[in-house]
Amino acid sequence: MARRTLLDFFDDLAQIDADFVLYDDGYRVRTFTYAQVAAAARQFAARLRAEGIGPDDKVVLWSENRAEWIAVLWGCLLETVVLVPVDYRSSAEFVAHIADVVNAKAIVVGETVGAPNVSRPVWPITALAEAASQQDRPHPAPPTPHPGTLAEIIFTSGATAEPKGVMLTHKNILANTVPIEREIEKYRKYARPFAPIRFLNLLPLSHMFGQAMATFVPPMLEGVVVFTRSLSPPDIVREIHDRRISIVVCVPKMLEVLRDYVVAKYPRLREGMPRGLHPLKRWWRYRDIHGLFGFKFWAFVVGAAPLDPSLEQFWRDLGFLVVQGYGLTETAPVVTLVHPCAAGMAAWGGLSMV
């Protein structure tokens, strides 16, 4: 179907009858279905209307990855409110500065961040549907967005010291998501035996690559997104194994950290790994390592930094796929992406990618 705006994706997402987000904060695990995330988005949209926040107004989102983050994004899109996400690792002073620059009507904050010293409203992300005094009053329906409607402002420093706001419209983001959806549609039937596809997303949702791989891509496969707070190698490996993760979304540095962890655990890898093994022989040779990660895990999707070819080769020699993307915030964010199926065929045949 033709996609004019991001809300076309929301309509599809809301109809999926499956789990969507699993959030492990280190103390407890909470699971949210697609319907629950969609309902939370509509509740947040209602709160925006109640507070008089409407088209082209700005809302800053400063929070760790969690299901409510995705609900805030969709709630803003439903009301044509512009979302301004900020990395949860940013300082409270930086958040206050961004809120001033965009003249934000409110700041939504997570559980793990501080409290910005601002005069504007600050809303805890865990209370998205909190009642407002004007909530019972009638409000006009928001205007229908068009492809050129501003969706988000992402502040990025790039190669400079002073972060600048990149304005992304529905059309900008669709330019990335629609081609991916078309390719996934070609191979969807082959993924069914492995369903549900589970993504462990280790990138902040304020990063467009992390956002796309958590918000837009998983629903195309009726997949599950897993968020976790801990980034220590033992915890990440345990999460991959216990949650039956299929794909890890991360920066190349995480591949390096996990490589060092695996090599320390299996010292024989220091001696080097033979090339050109038949895939089945390779799997059998390293079956203990595949067992460490769980036999459902098969791929890393990496971006946001250069990937050392030797690091990619290490994981391919073990029998794991590494899918690399390149882009920048201004392209929302993908410029080019290794085709997973083509890369998988090359890895299966022991060939090198060009």
Protein backbone atom coordinates (compact mmCIF):
# COMPACT_ATOMS: atom_id res chain seq x y z
CA MET A 1 0.00 0.00 0.00
CA ALA A 2 1.08 3.59 -0.60
CA ARG A 3 2.47 5.39 2.45
CA ARG A 4 1.74 9.12 2.51
CA THR A 5 2.62 9.79 6.14
CA LEU A 6 3.99 7.91 9.14
CA LEU A 7 0.45 7.56 10.49
CA ASP A 8 -0.13 4.92 7.82
CA PHE A 9 2.36 2.79 9.75
CA PHE A 10 0.59 3.54 13.03
CA ASP A 11 -2.71 2.27 11.64
CA ASP A 12 -1.05 -1.03 10.75
CA LEU A 13 0.85 -1.27 14.04
CA ALA A 14 -2.30 -0.81 16.12
CA GLN A 15 -3.90 -3.87 14.50
CA ILE A 16 -1.11 -6.36 15.26
CA ASP A 17 -2.09 -8.94 17.85
CA ALA A 18 1.29 -9.74 19.40
CA ASP A 19 3.88 -8.62 21.92
CA PHE A 20 5.81 -5.53 20.81
CA VAL A 21 8.20 -4.29 23.52
CA LEU A 22 9.97 -6.12 26.33
CA TYR A 23 11.70 -3.81 28.84
CA ASP A 24 14.24 -5.22 31.30
CA ASP A 25 15.34 -2.54 33.77
CA GLY A 26 17.50 -4.93 35.78
CA TYR A 27 14.85 -5.44 38.48
CA ARG A 28 11.80 -6.59 36.60
CA VAL A 29 10.69 -7.33 33.07
CA ARG A 30 7.62 -5.72 31.56
CA THR A 31 6.02 -6.72 28.28
CA PHE A 32 3.81 -4.45 26.16
CA THR A 33 1.67 -5.56 23.24
CA TYR A 34 1.22 -3.58 20.05
CA ALA A 35 -2.31 -2.70 21.20
CA GLN A 36 -1.04 -1.40 24.53
CA VAL A 37 1.57 0.83 22.91
CA ALA A 38 -1.02 2.15 20.46
CA ALA A 39 -3.46 2.83 23.31
CA ALA A 40 -0.75 4.66 25.29
CA ALA A 41 0.02 6.76 22.21
CA ARG A 42 -3.63 7.76 21.89
CA GLN A 43 -3.76 8.58 25.61
CA PHE A 44 -0.71 10.79 25.30
CA ALA A 45 -2.24 12.47 22.25
CA ALA A 46 -5.33 13.19 24.36
CA ARG A 47 -3.16 14.72 27.06
CA LEU A 48 -1.48 16.98 24.53
CA ARG A 49 -4.90 18.20 23.40
CA ALA A 50 -5.97 18.74 27.01
CA GLU A 51 -2.89 20.85 27.65
CA GLY A 52 -3.50 22.95 24.56
CA ILE A 53 -0.41 21.59 22.78
CA GLY A 54 -1.15 21.33 19.09
CA PRO A 55 0.18 21.48 15.53
CA ASP A 56 3.80 22.61 15.17
CA ASP A 57 4.28 22.92 18.94
CA LYS A 58 7.40 21.21 20.26
CA VAL A 59 7.75 18.57 22.99
CA VAL A 60 11.19 17.52 24.24
CA LEU A 61 11.64 13.83 25.12
CA TRP A 62 14.55 12.95 27.44
CA SER A 63 14.34 9.33 28.46
CA GLU A 64 15.94 5.92 28.42
CA ASN A 65 14.67 3.39 25.87
CA ARG A 66 11.30 1.97 26.90
CA ALA A 67 7.84 1.26 25.49
CA GLU A 68 6.54 4.65 26.65
CA TRP A 69 9.19 6.38 24.53
CA ILE A 70 7.62 4.88 21.41
CA ALA A 71 4.15 5.86 22.65
CA VAL A 72 5.25 9.49 23.09
CA LEU A 73 6.58 9.56 19.53
CA TRP A 74 3.34 8.24 18.07
CA GLY A 75 1.23 10.45 20.34
CA CYS A 76 3.02 13.53 19.02
CA LEU A 77 2.65 12.35 15.42
CA LEU A 78 -1.08 11.81 15.95
CA GLU A 79 -1.44 15.45 17.05
CA THR A 80 1.05 16.84 14.48
CA VAL A 81 3.16 17.96 17.45
CA VAL A 82 6.89 18.03 16.71
CA LEU A 83 8.95 15.67 18.86
CA VAL A 84 12.45 16.77 19.93
CA PRO A 85 14.19 13.67 21.36
CA VAL A 86 17.39 14.11 23.37
CA ASP A 87 19.88 11.36 24.24
CA TYR A 88 19.20 10.13 27.77
CA ARG A 89 22.93 10.46 28.51
CA SER A 90 22.79 14.23 27.97
CA SER A 91 23.05 16.66 30.85
CA ALA A 92 20.06 18.42 32.37
CA GLU A 93 21.64 21.74 31.31
CA PHE A 94 21.78 20.60 27.68
CA VAL A 95 18.14 19.48 27.80
CA ALA A 96 17.10 22.86 29.21
CA HIS A 97 19.07 24.58 26.45
CA ILE A 98 17.38 22.54 23.73
CA ALA A 99 13.96 23.23 25.27
CA ASP A 100 14.71 26.95 25.12
CA VAL A 101 15.96 26.80 21.52
CA VAL A 102 12.78 25.10 20.25
CA ASN A 103 10.46 26.85 22.73
CA ALA A 104 9.17 23.49 23.95
CA LYS A 105 5.71 23.40 25.48
CA ALA A 106 6.67 20.47 27.74
CA ILE A 107 9.53 18.10 28.57
CA VAL A 108 8.87 14.38 29.02
CA VAL A 109 11.50 12.76 31.26
CA GLY A 110 12.39 9.15 31.98
CA GLU A 111 13.13 7.37 35.24
CA THR A 112 16.91 7.29 34.90
CA VAL A 113 17.56 10.94 34.03
CA GLY A 114 17.70 14.02 36.22
CA ALA A 115 15.24 16.87 36.47
CA PRO A 116 15.97 19.85 34.22
CA ASN A 117 15.77 23.23 35.94
CA VAL A 118 13.16 24.84 33.70
CA SER A 119 10.00 26.88 34.07
CA ARG A 120 8.10 24.87 31.46
CA PRO A 121 6.05 21.73 32.37
CA VAL A 122 8.00 18.53 33.07
CA TRP A 123 6.06 15.26 32.73
CA PRO A 124 7.28 11.84 33.95
CA ILE A 125 7.20 9.35 31.10
CA THR A 126 5.60 6.78 33.42
CA ALA A 127 2.48 8.98 33.72
CA LEU A 128 1.67 9.53 30.05
CA ALA A 129 -2.11 9.48 30.48
CA GLU A 130 -2.20 11.63 33.61
CA ALA A 131 -5.44 13.59 33.67
CA ALA A 132 -5.35 17.30 32.91
CA SER A 133 -7.83 19.86 34.12
CA GLN A 134 -9.02 20.66 30.61
CA GLN A 135 -9.32 17.03 29.52
CA ASP A 136 -13.12 16.95 29.54
CA ARG A 137 -13.43 20.03 27.37
CA PRO A 138 -14.10 19.53 23.64
CA HIS A 139 -11.08 19.96 21.39
CA PRO A 140 -10.93 20.25 17.62
CA ALA A 141 -9.44 17.31 15.79
CA PRO A 142 -5.80 17.84 14.77
CA PRO A 143 -5.17 18.59 11.12
CA THR A 144 -4.29 15.63 8.92
CA PRO A 145 -0.53 15.59 8.34
CA HIS A 146 0.85 15.63 4.82
CA PRO A 147 4.21 14.30 3.59
CA GLY A 148 5.88 17.66 4.21
CA THR A 149 4.63 17.99 7.80
CA LEU A 150 7.48 18.34 10.29
CA ALA A 151 7.72 15.21 12.47
CA GLU A 152 10.90 15.54 14.53
CA ILE A 153 13.84 17.82 15.25
CA ILE A 154 16.99 15.85 16.03
CA PHE A 155 19.92 17.74 17.53
CA THR A 156 23.26 16.43 16.36
CA SER A 157 26.78 17.80 16.54
CA GLY A 158 28.17 15.87 13.59
CA ALA A 159 31.77 16.99 13.16
CA THR A 160 31.21 20.33 14.90
CA ALA A 161 31.09 21.29 18.55
CA GLU A 162 27.70 23.01 18.64
CA PRO A 163 24.68 20.70 18.09
CA LYS A 164 22.29 21.80 15.39
CA GLY A 165 18.67 20.82 14.95
CA VAL A 166 17.91 18.66 11.92
CA MET A 167 14.28 19.00 10.83
CA LEU A 168 12.77 15.75 9.56
CA THR A 169 9.39 15.55 7.87
CA HIS A 170 7.14 12.54 7.41
CA LYS A 171 8.45 12.28 3.85
CA ASN A 172 12.08 12.29 5.02
CA ILE A 173 11.53 9.34 7.35
CA LEU A 174 9.32 7.50 4.85
CA ALA A 175 12.16 7.71 2.31
CA ASN A 176 14.01 5.25 4.56
CA THR A 177 11.22 3.05 5.86
CA VAL A 178 9.29 2.39 2.65
CA PRO A 179 12.21 0.83 0.70
CA ILE A 180 13.02 -1.38 3.71
CA GLU A 181 9.38 -2.44 3.92
CA ARG A 182 9.37 -3.36 0.22
CA GLU A 183 12.41 -5.57 0.63
CA ILE A 184 11.08 -7.23 3.78
CA GLU A 185 7.84 -8.03 1.96
CA LYS A 186 9.79 -10.09 -0.58
CA TYR A 187 11.23 -12.34 2.14
CA ARG A 188 8.50 -12.29 4.77
CA LYS A 189 7.38 -15.86 4.10
CA TYR A 190 10.91 -17.15 4.73
CA ALA A 191 10.96 -15.48 8.15
CA ARG A 192 7.76 -17.13 9.38
CA PRO A 193 9.42 -20.33 10.69
CA PHE A 194 11.68 -18.16 12.86
CA ALA A 195 8.91 -15.93 14.25
CA PRO A 196 8.80 -13.96 16.34
CA ILE A 197 11.93 -12.10 15.28
CA ARG A 198 13.31 -10.47 18.44
CA PHE A 199 15.50 -7.36 18.24
CA LEU A 200 17.76 -6.39 21.14
CA ASN A 201 18.13 -2.66 20.54
CA LEU A 202 21.17 -1.14 22.28
CA LEU A 203 21.06 2.22 20.47
CA PRO A 204 19.29 5.22 22.03
CA LEU A 205 15.92 5.93 20.46
CA SER A 206 16.96 9.57 20.14
CA HIS A 207 19.32 8.30 17.41
CA MET A 208 17.43 7.91 14.14
CA PHE A 209 19.04 4.55 13.35
CA GLY A 210 18.06 3.16 16.75
CA GLN A 211 14.60 4.69 16.40
CA ALA A 212 13.99 3.13 12.99
CA MET A 213 15.13 -0.30 14.18
CA ALA A 214 12.79 -0.15 17.18
CA THR A 215 9.76 1.77 15.95
CA PHE A 216 9.32 1.14 12.24
CA VAL A 217 11.13 -2.07 11.23
CA PRO A 218 9.92 -4.60 13.87
CA PRO A 219 6.20 -4.08 13.07
CA MET A 220 6.95 -4.99 9.47
CA LEU A 221 7.80 -8.48 10.80
CA GLU A 222 5.40 -8.43 13.75
CA GLY A 223 8.59 -8.64 15.76
CA VAL A 224 9.52 -7.93 19.38
CA VAL A 225 11.88 -5.17 20.55
CA VAL A 226 13.87 -5.75 23.73
CA PHE A 227 15.34 -2.87 25.74
CA THR A 228 17.75 -3.37 28.61
CA ARG A 229 19.63 -0.94 30.84
CA SER A 230 22.82 -2.91 31.36
CA LEU A 231 25.47 -2.81 28.65
CA SER A 232 28.00 -5.11 30.33
CA PRO A 233 29.08 -8.02 28.08
CA PRO A 234 27.88 -10.81 30.44
CA ASP A 235 24.47 -9.15 30.77
CA ILE A 236 24.17 -8.59 27.02
CA VAL A 237 25.08 -12.22 26.24
CA ARG A 238 22.66 -13.43 28.91
CA GLU A 239 19.93 -11.21 27.46
CA ILE A 240 20.54 -12.57 23.96
CA HIS A 241 20.37 -16.14 25.22
CA ASP A 242 17.50 -15.90 27.70
CA ARG A 243 15.25 -13.64 25.57
CA ARG A 244 15.92 -15.74 22.47
CA ILE A 245 17.15 -12.72 20.56
CA SER A 246 17.43 -13.00 16.78
CA ILE A 247 19.14 -9.68 15.96
CA VAL A 248 21.23 -7.23 18.00
CA VAL A 249 21.14 -3.56 16.95
CA CYS A 250 24.24 -1.74 18.17
CA VAL A 251 27.32 0.34 17.37
CA PRO A 252 30.52 -1.39 16.16
CA LYS A 253 32.14 -0.80 19.56
CA MET A 254 29.71 -3.34 21.05
CA LEU A 255 30.97 -5.96 18.58
CA GLU A 256 34.49 -5.24 19.80
CA VAL A 257 33.49 -5.51 23.47
CA LEU A 258 31.62 -8.77 22.86
CA ARG A 259 34.51 -10.15 20.81
CA ASP A 260 36.92 -9.53 23.71
CA TYR A 261 34.46 -11.21 26.08
CA VAL A 262 34.09 -14.27 23.84
CA VAL A 263 37.85 -14.58 23.25
CA ALA A 264 38.50 -14.39 27.00
CA LYS A 265 35.92 -17.13 27.53
CA TYR A 266 37.21 -19.31 24.67
CA PRO A 267 41.00 -18.79 24.54
CA ARG A 268 41.38 -21.11 21.55
CA LEU A 269 40.04 -18.28 19.38
CA ARG A 270 43.33 -16.41 19.92
CA GLU A 271 44.99 -18.98 17.66
CA GLY A 272 42.92 -17.75 14.73
CA MET A 273 40.03 -19.28 12.84
CA PRO A 274 40.19 -21.19 9.57
CA ARG A 275 38.60 -19.60 6.53
CA GLY A 276 36.50 -21.27 3.89
CA LEU A 277 34.85 -23.87 6.10
CA HIS A 278 31.54 -25.25 4.93
CA PRO A 279 28.81 -23.47 6.94
CA LEU A 280 27.72 -26.69 8.66
CA LYS A 281 31.30 -27.56 9.63
CA ARG A 282 31.80 -24.02 10.87
CA TRP A 283 28.65 -24.17 12.97
CA TRP A 284 29.71 -27.52 14.45
CA ARG A 285 33.21 -26.24 15.19
CA TYR A 286 31.81 -23.27 17.12
CA ARG A 287 28.62 -24.82 18.45
CA ASP A 288 29.61 -24.00 22.03
CA ILE A 289 29.79 -20.29 21.15
CA HIS A 290 26.45 -20.44 19.37
CA GLY A 291 25.09 -22.15 22.46
CA LEU A 292 26.42 -19.29 24.59
CA PHE A 293 24.35 -16.79 22.61
CA GLY A 294 21.41 -19.12 22.05
CA PHE A 295 20.67 -20.93 18.83
CA LYS A 296 18.11 -18.39 17.67
CA PHE A 297 20.65 -15.58 17.47
CA TRP A 298 22.09 -15.00 14.00
CA ALA A 299 22.86 -11.34 13.22
CA PHE A 300 24.17 -7.95 14.28
CA VAL A 301 22.88 -4.78 12.63
CA VAL A 302 25.42 -2.01 13.18
CA GLY A 303 25.79 1.65 12.33
CA ALA A 304 26.64 5.12 13.66
CA ALA A 305 30.41 4.54 13.44
CA PRO A 306 33.00 2.88 11.17
CA LEU A 307 33.21 -0.90 11.34
CA ASP A 308 36.69 -2.45 11.31
CA PRO A 309 36.72 -5.13 8.56
CA SER A 310 38.66 -7.51 10.83
CA LEU A 311 35.95 -7.18 13.47
CA GLU A 312 33.27 -8.03 10.92
CA GLN A 313 35.35 -10.97 9.72
CA PHE A 314 35.73 -12.32 13.26
CA TRP A 315 31.97 -12.65 13.70
CA ARG A 316 31.44 -13.99 10.20
CA ASP A 317 34.10 -16.64 10.81
CA LEU A 318 32.08 -17.75 13.84
CA GLY A 319 28.98 -18.02 11.66
CA PHE A 320 27.16 -14.80 12.56
CA LEU A 321 25.92 -12.23 10.07
CA VAL A 322 26.94 -8.57 10.36
CA VAL A 323 24.69 -6.10 8.53
CA GLN A 324 26.22 -2.64 8.26
CA GLY A 325 24.40 0.59 7.54
CA TYR A 326 25.76 4.02 6.70
CA GLY A 327 24.00 7.35 6.95
CA LEU A 328 23.57 10.55 8.88
CA THR A 329 20.81 12.30 10.78
CA GLU A 330 20.07 14.58 7.83
CA THR A 331 19.10 11.53 5.75
CA ALA A 332 16.81 10.17 8.48
CA PRO A 333 19.30 8.33 8.71
CA VAL A 334 20.09 5.67 6.09
CA VAL A 335 22.14 6.39 2.99
CA THR A 336 23.02 2.78 2.24
CA LEU A 337 22.54 -0.59 3.94
CA VAL A 338 23.98 -4.03 3.27
CA HIS A 339 21.12 -6.24 2.13
CA PRO A 340 20.72 -8.88 4.87
CA CYS A 341 19.77 -11.65 2.46
CA ALA A 342 22.63 -10.93 0.07
CA ALA A 343 25.07 -10.71 2.97
CA GLY A 344 23.68 -13.93 4.41
CA MET A 345 24.16 -15.78 1.12
CA ALA A 346 27.74 -14.53 0.91
CA ALA A 347 28.47 -15.64 4.46
CA TRP A 348 26.83 -19.01 3.83
CA GLY A 349 28.94 -19.59 0.78
CA GLY A 350 32.16 -18.33 2.37
CA LEU A 351 32.36 -15.47 -0.13
CA SER A 352 33.43 -11.89 0.42
CA MET A 353 31.01 -9.02 -0.11
CA VAL A 354 31.81 -6.29 -2.62
